């Protein structure tokens, strides 16, 4: 139940941040894709290791909340690009690392099952 609640909060925060930026354009479409990739990789991690996925989702919610706040309210004189870049970079790196973790965990589980 905790996992679903945090997923819903993360999706709401992402949608709110996108609409606060003035709707969908190319920049927000890239952010939306990064959010979607992050949530997809977290969901895949939840299928392999639920506790690890919950921890990753809490961390992802925290840094996305801080960076999205700064993107919406502290984007004066070109600083918005910096916040946008950090959101995109952190979500992409987090997703790639999480997918690598999923592949390694899945491979370890399959080799352990085949040995038994």
N, C-alpha and C. Protein backbone atom coordinates (compact mmCIF):
# COMPACT_ATOMS: atom_id res chain seq x y z
N UNK A 1 0.82 -1.19 0.00
CA UNK A 1 0.00 0.00 0.00
C UNK A 1 0.87 1.26 0.00
N UNK A 2 1.99 1.24 0.71
CA UNK A 2 2.88 2.40 0.75
C UNK A 2 3.42 2.71 -0.65
N UNK A 3 3.77 1.66 -1.38
CA UNK A 3 4.36 1.84 -2.70
C UNK A 3 3.38 2.54 -3.63
N UNK A 4 2.13 2.11 -3.63
CA UNK A 4 1.13 2.71 -4.51
C UNK A 4 0.88 4.17 -4.15
N UNK A 5 0.87 4.47 -2.86
CA UNK A 5 0.64 5.84 -2.42
C UNK A 5 1.76 6.76 -2.89
N UNK A 6 3.00 6.32 -2.76
CA UNK A 6 4.13 7.15 -3.16
C UNK A 6 4.18 7.29 -4.69
N UNK A 7 3.80 6.24 -5.42
CA UNK A 7 3.74 6.33 -6.88
C UNK A 7 2.72 7.38 -7.30
N UNK A 8 1.55 7.36 -6.66
CA UNK A 8 0.51 8.33 -6.98
C UNK A 8 0.97 9.74 -6.66
N UNK A 9 1.63 9.93 -5.51
CA UNK A 9 2.15 11.26 -5.16
C UNK A 9 3.20 11.74 -6.16
N UNK A 10 4.07 10.83 -6.60
CA UNK A 10 5.10 11.20 -7.57
C UNK A 10 4.48 11.60 -8.90
N UNK A 11 3.49 10.85 -9.35
CA UNK A 11 2.82 11.18 -10.61
C UNK A 11 2.13 12.53 -10.50
N UNK A 12 1.45 12.77 -9.38
CA UNK A 12 0.77 14.06 -9.18
C UNK A 12 1.76 15.22 -9.16
N UNK A 13 2.90 15.02 -8.50
CA UNK A 13 3.92 16.07 -8.46
C UNK A 13 4.47 16.36 -9.85
N UNK A 14 4.67 15.30 -10.64
CA UNK A 14 5.19 15.49 -12.00
C UNK A 14 4.17 16.23 -12.87
N UNK A 15 2.91 15.84 -12.78
CA UNK A 15 1.87 16.49 -13.59
C UNK A 15 1.70 17.94 -13.16
N UNK A 16 1.71 18.19 -11.85
CA UNK A 16 1.58 19.55 -11.36
C UNK A 16 2.74 20.42 -11.83
N UNK A 17 3.94 19.89 -11.78
CA UNK A 17 5.11 20.64 -12.24
C UNK A 17 5.04 20.94 -13.72
N UNK A 18 4.53 20.00 -14.51
CA UNK A 18 4.43 20.22 -15.95
C UNK A 18 3.40 21.29 -16.26
N UNK A 19 2.24 21.25 -15.60
CA UNK A 19 1.22 22.26 -15.86
C UNK A 19 1.61 23.63 -15.30
N UNK A 20 2.42 23.65 -14.25
CA UNK A 20 2.89 24.93 -13.70
C UNK A 20 3.85 25.62 -14.67
N UNK A 21 4.49 24.82 -15.51
CA UNK A 21 5.43 25.38 -16.48
C UNK A 21 4.72 25.91 -17.73
N UNK A 22 3.42 25.77 -17.81
CA UNK A 22 2.69 26.34 -18.94
C UNK A 22 2.25 25.32 -19.97
N UNK A 23 2.12 24.08 -19.61
CA UNK A 23 1.64 23.08 -20.55
C UNK A 23 2.77 22.26 -21.16
N UNK A 24 2.43 21.56 -22.24
CA UNK A 24 3.39 20.66 -22.88
C UNK A 24 4.07 21.37 -24.04
N UNK A 25 5.37 21.48 -23.96
CA UNK A 25 6.18 21.88 -25.10
C UNK A 25 7.34 20.89 -25.18
N UNK A 26 8.34 21.17 -25.97
CA UNK A 26 9.42 20.19 -26.15
C UNK A 26 10.17 19.92 -24.85
N UNK A 27 10.42 20.97 -24.08
CA UNK A 27 11.16 20.82 -22.83
C UNK A 27 10.39 19.98 -21.82
N UNK A 28 9.12 20.30 -21.67
CA UNK A 28 8.33 19.55 -20.69
C UNK A 28 8.03 18.13 -21.19
N UNK A 29 8.01 17.93 -22.50
CA UNK A 29 7.84 16.58 -23.02
C UNK A 29 9.05 15.72 -22.66
N UNK A 30 10.25 16.32 -22.73
CA UNK A 30 11.45 15.58 -22.31
C UNK A 30 11.41 15.25 -20.82
N UNK A 31 10.97 16.21 -20.01
CA UNK A 31 10.84 15.94 -18.57
C UNK A 31 9.80 14.88 -18.31
N UNK A 32 8.68 14.94 -19.03
CA UNK A 32 7.65 13.91 -18.87
C UNK A 32 8.17 12.52 -19.23
N UNK A 33 8.97 12.44 -20.29
CA UNK A 33 9.56 11.16 -20.67
C UNK A 33 10.54 10.68 -19.61
N UNK A 34 11.31 11.59 -19.02
CA UNK A 34 12.25 11.21 -17.96
C UNK A 34 11.50 10.72 -16.72
N UNK A 35 10.40 11.42 -16.36
CA UNK A 35 9.58 10.97 -15.23
C UNK A 35 8.98 9.59 -15.52
N UNK A 36 8.48 9.41 -16.73
CA UNK A 36 7.88 8.12 -17.10
C UNK A 36 8.91 7.00 -17.05
N UNK A 37 10.11 7.26 -17.56
CA UNK A 37 11.17 6.25 -17.52
C UNK A 37 11.54 5.92 -16.07
N UNK A 38 11.59 6.94 -15.21
CA UNK A 38 11.91 6.70 -13.80
C UNK A 38 10.83 5.85 -13.12
N UNK A 39 9.58 6.18 -13.39
CA UNK A 39 8.50 5.40 -12.78
C UNK A 39 8.43 3.99 -13.33
N UNK A 40 8.71 3.83 -14.62
CA UNK A 40 8.73 2.49 -15.21
C UNK A 40 9.85 1.64 -14.62
N UNK A 41 11.03 2.21 -14.48
CA UNK A 41 12.14 1.45 -13.91
C UNK A 41 11.88 1.13 -12.43
N UNK A 42 11.22 2.03 -11.72
CA UNK A 42 10.88 1.76 -10.32
C UNK A 42 9.84 0.65 -10.24
N UNK A 43 8.89 0.65 -11.15
CA UNK A 43 7.88 -0.41 -11.16
C UNK A 43 8.52 -1.76 -11.47
N UNK A 44 9.47 -1.78 -12.42
CA UNK A 44 10.18 -3.03 -12.71
C UNK A 44 10.99 -3.49 -11.52
N UNK A 45 11.59 -2.55 -10.81
CA UNK A 45 12.34 -2.90 -9.60
C UNK A 45 11.41 -3.45 -8.53
N UNK A 46 10.20 -2.91 -8.46
CA UNK A 46 9.22 -3.39 -7.48
C UNK A 46 8.85 -4.85 -7.73
N UNK A 47 8.86 -5.26 -8.97
CA UNK A 47 8.55 -6.65 -9.29
C UNK A 47 9.69 -7.59 -8.87
N UNK A 48 10.92 -7.09 -8.83
CA UNK A 48 12.07 -7.91 -8.46
C UNK A 48 12.38 -7.79 -6.97
N UNK A 49 12.47 -6.56 -6.45
CA UNK A 49 12.77 -6.31 -5.05
C UNK A 49 11.92 -5.15 -4.55
N UNK A 50 10.81 -5.45 -3.87
CA UNK A 50 9.88 -4.40 -3.45
C UNK A 50 10.47 -3.38 -2.48
N UNK A 51 11.28 -3.82 -1.52
CA UNK A 51 11.84 -2.87 -0.55
C UNK A 51 12.81 -1.90 -1.19
N UNK A 52 13.61 -2.40 -2.11
CA UNK A 52 14.54 -1.53 -2.83
C UNK A 52 13.79 -0.50 -3.67
N UNK A 53 12.69 -0.93 -4.27
CA UNK A 53 11.89 -0.02 -5.09
C UNK A 53 11.26 1.07 -4.23
N UNK A 54 10.81 0.73 -3.05
CA UNK A 54 10.21 1.72 -2.16
C UNK A 54 11.24 2.77 -1.74
N UNK A 55 12.42 2.33 -1.40
CA UNK A 55 13.49 3.26 -1.04
C UNK A 55 13.88 4.17 -2.20
N UNK A 56 13.98 3.60 -3.40
CA UNK A 56 14.31 4.41 -4.58
C UNK A 56 13.21 5.40 -4.91
N UNK A 57 11.96 5.00 -4.71
CA UNK A 57 10.85 5.89 -4.99
C UNK A 57 10.82 7.07 -4.02
N UNK A 58 11.14 6.82 -2.76
CA UNK A 58 11.19 7.90 -1.77
C UNK A 58 12.30 8.89 -2.12
N UNK A 59 13.47 8.37 -2.49
CA UNK A 59 14.59 9.24 -2.87
C UNK A 59 14.24 10.02 -4.13
N UNK A 60 13.63 9.36 -5.11
CA UNK A 60 13.26 10.02 -6.35
C UNK A 60 12.22 11.11 -6.10
N UNK A 61 11.26 10.83 -5.24
CA UNK A 61 10.24 11.83 -4.91
C UNK A 61 10.88 13.05 -4.24
N UNK A 62 11.85 12.80 -3.36
CA UNK A 62 12.48 13.91 -2.64
C UNK A 62 13.27 14.82 -3.58
N UNK A 63 14.14 14.25 -4.41
CA UNK A 63 14.93 15.15 -5.26
C UNK A 63 14.10 15.76 -6.38
N UNK A 64 13.07 15.06 -6.85
CA UNK A 64 12.21 15.67 -7.86
C UNK A 64 11.37 16.80 -7.28
N UNK A 65 10.95 16.67 -6.02
CA UNK A 65 10.17 17.74 -5.39
C UNK A 65 11.01 19.00 -5.24
N UNK A 66 12.24 18.85 -4.77
CA UNK A 66 13.13 20.00 -4.58
C UNK A 66 13.48 20.65 -5.92
N UNK A 67 13.86 19.85 -6.89
CA UNK A 67 14.27 20.41 -8.17
C UNK A 67 13.08 20.99 -8.94
N UNK A 68 11.92 20.37 -8.86
CA UNK A 68 10.74 20.90 -9.54
C UNK A 68 10.30 22.22 -8.91
N UNK A 69 10.38 22.30 -7.59
CA UNK A 69 10.07 23.56 -6.91
C UNK A 69 10.98 24.67 -7.41
N UNK A 70 12.28 24.38 -7.47
CA UNK A 70 13.23 25.38 -7.93
C UNK A 70 13.02 25.72 -9.41
N UNK A 71 12.61 24.75 -10.20
CA UNK A 71 12.35 25.01 -11.61
C UNK A 71 11.17 25.96 -11.78
N UNK A 72 10.14 25.78 -10.97
CA UNK A 72 8.95 26.61 -11.12
C UNK A 72 9.14 27.98 -10.48
N UNK A 73 9.72 28.04 -9.29
CA UNK A 73 9.74 29.29 -8.54
C UNK A 73 11.07 30.03 -8.53
N UNK A 74 12.17 29.38 -8.87
CA UNK A 74 13.48 30.04 -8.85
C UNK A 74 14.15 30.01 -10.22
N UNK A 75 13.38 30.23 -11.27
CA UNK A 75 13.96 30.15 -12.61
C UNK A 75 14.10 31.54 -13.23
N UNK A 76 14.78 32.42 -12.53
CA UNK A 76 15.00 33.78 -13.01
C UNK A 76 16.34 33.86 -13.73
N UNK A 77 16.38 34.67 -14.77
CA UNK A 77 17.62 34.99 -15.49
C UNK A 77 18.34 33.76 -16.02
N UNK A 78 17.61 32.83 -16.55
CA UNK A 78 18.22 31.66 -17.17
C UNK A 78 18.51 30.51 -16.22
N UNK A 79 18.18 30.64 -14.95
CA UNK A 79 18.44 29.55 -14.00
C UNK A 79 17.49 28.38 -14.22
N UNK A 80 16.38 28.63 -14.91
CA UNK A 80 15.42 27.56 -15.18
C UNK A 80 16.05 26.43 -15.99
N UNK A 81 16.93 26.78 -16.92
CA UNK A 81 17.61 25.75 -17.70
C UNK A 81 18.46 24.86 -16.81
N UNK A 82 19.10 25.44 -15.82
CA UNK A 82 19.93 24.67 -14.90
C UNK A 82 19.09 23.66 -14.13
N UNK A 83 17.94 24.12 -13.60
CA UNK A 83 17.08 23.21 -12.85
C UNK A 83 16.49 22.14 -13.76
N UNK A 84 16.10 22.52 -14.97
CA UNK A 84 15.57 21.57 -15.94
C UNK A 84 16.62 20.52 -16.27
N UNK A 85 17.86 20.96 -16.49
CA UNK A 85 18.94 20.04 -16.82
C UNK A 85 19.21 19.07 -15.67
N UNK A 86 19.23 19.57 -14.43
CA UNK A 86 19.47 18.69 -13.29
C UNK A 86 18.36 17.66 -13.12
N UNK A 87 17.11 18.07 -13.33
CA UNK A 87 16.00 17.11 -13.24
C UNK A 87 16.16 16.03 -14.30
N UNK A 88 16.43 16.45 -15.52
CA UNK A 88 16.58 15.50 -16.62
C UNK A 88 17.77 14.57 -16.38
N UNK A 89 18.88 15.13 -15.95
CA UNK A 89 20.09 14.34 -15.72
C UNK A 89 19.91 13.33 -14.57
N UNK A 90 19.39 13.79 -13.43
CA UNK A 90 19.22 12.89 -12.29
C UNK A 90 18.21 11.79 -12.56
N UNK A 91 17.10 12.13 -13.22
CA UNK A 91 16.12 11.09 -13.53
C UNK A 91 16.67 10.06 -14.51
N UNK A 92 17.43 10.52 -15.50
CA UNK A 92 18.01 9.59 -16.46
C UNK A 92 19.06 8.69 -15.81
N UNK A 93 19.94 9.27 -15.02
CA UNK A 93 20.97 8.47 -14.34
C UNK A 93 20.33 7.50 -13.36
N UNK A 94 19.34 7.97 -12.60
CA UNK A 94 18.66 7.10 -11.64
C UNK A 94 17.98 5.93 -12.36
N UNK A 95 17.35 6.20 -13.47
CA UNK A 95 16.66 5.15 -14.21
C UNK A 95 17.64 4.12 -14.77
N UNK A 96 18.73 4.59 -15.34
CA UNK A 96 19.72 3.67 -15.90
C UNK A 96 20.34 2.81 -14.81
N UNK A 97 20.70 3.41 -13.68
CA UNK A 97 21.28 2.65 -12.57
C UNK A 97 20.27 1.64 -12.03
N UNK A 98 19.01 2.03 -11.95
CA UNK A 98 17.98 1.13 -11.45
C UNK A 98 17.75 -0.03 -12.42
N UNK A 99 17.79 0.24 -13.71
CA UNK A 99 17.65 -0.84 -14.69
C UNK A 99 18.83 -1.81 -14.63
N UNK A 100 20.03 -1.29 -14.44
CA UNK A 100 21.20 -2.17 -14.28
C UNK A 100 21.04 -3.02 -13.02
N UNK A 101 20.58 -2.41 -11.93
CA UNK A 101 20.34 -3.15 -10.69
C UNK A 101 19.31 -4.25 -10.90
N UNK A 102 18.26 -3.95 -11.65
CA UNK A 102 17.22 -4.95 -11.92
C UNK A 102 17.80 -6.12 -12.71
N UNK A 103 18.58 -5.83 -13.73
CA UNK A 103 19.17 -6.90 -14.54
C UNK A 103 20.11 -7.77 -13.73
N UNK A 104 20.92 -7.16 -12.88
CA UNK A 104 21.84 -7.94 -12.04
C UNK A 104 21.07 -8.78 -11.04
N UNK A 105 20.05 -8.22 -10.41
CA UNK A 105 19.25 -8.97 -9.44
C UNK A 105 18.51 -10.12 -10.11
N UNK A 106 17.97 -9.86 -11.29
CA UNK A 106 17.25 -10.90 -12.01
C UNK A 106 18.18 -12.03 -12.42
N UNK A 107 19.39 -11.67 -12.86
CA UNK A 107 20.37 -12.68 -13.27
C UNK A 107 20.82 -13.52 -12.07
N UNK A 108 21.04 -12.87 -10.92
CA UNK A 108 21.42 -13.60 -9.71
C UNK A 108 20.32 -14.55 -9.28
N UNK A 109 19.07 -14.09 -9.37
CA UNK A 109 17.94 -14.93 -8.97
C UNK A 109 17.82 -16.14 -9.88
N UNK A 110 18.00 -15.95 -11.18
CA UNK A 110 17.91 -17.07 -12.13
C UNK A 110 19.03 -18.08 -11.92
N UNK A 111 20.25 -17.60 -11.65
CA UNK A 111 21.35 -18.54 -11.43
C UNK A 111 21.16 -19.28 -10.10
N UNK A 112 20.61 -18.63 -9.10
CA UNK A 112 20.36 -19.30 -7.82
C UNK A 112 19.26 -20.34 -7.96
N UNK A 113 18.25 -20.06 -8.77
CA UNK A 113 17.16 -21.03 -8.99
C UNK A 113 17.63 -22.21 -9.81
N UNK A 114 18.53 -21.98 -10.76
CA UNK A 114 19.00 -23.07 -11.61
C UNK A 114 19.95 -24.00 -10.85
N UNK A 115 20.64 -23.49 -9.83
CA UNK A 115 21.55 -24.31 -9.04
C UNK A 115 20.80 -25.23 -8.08
N UNK A 116 19.60 -24.85 -7.70
CA UNK A 116 18.84 -25.67 -6.74
C UNK A 116 18.16 -26.83 -7.37
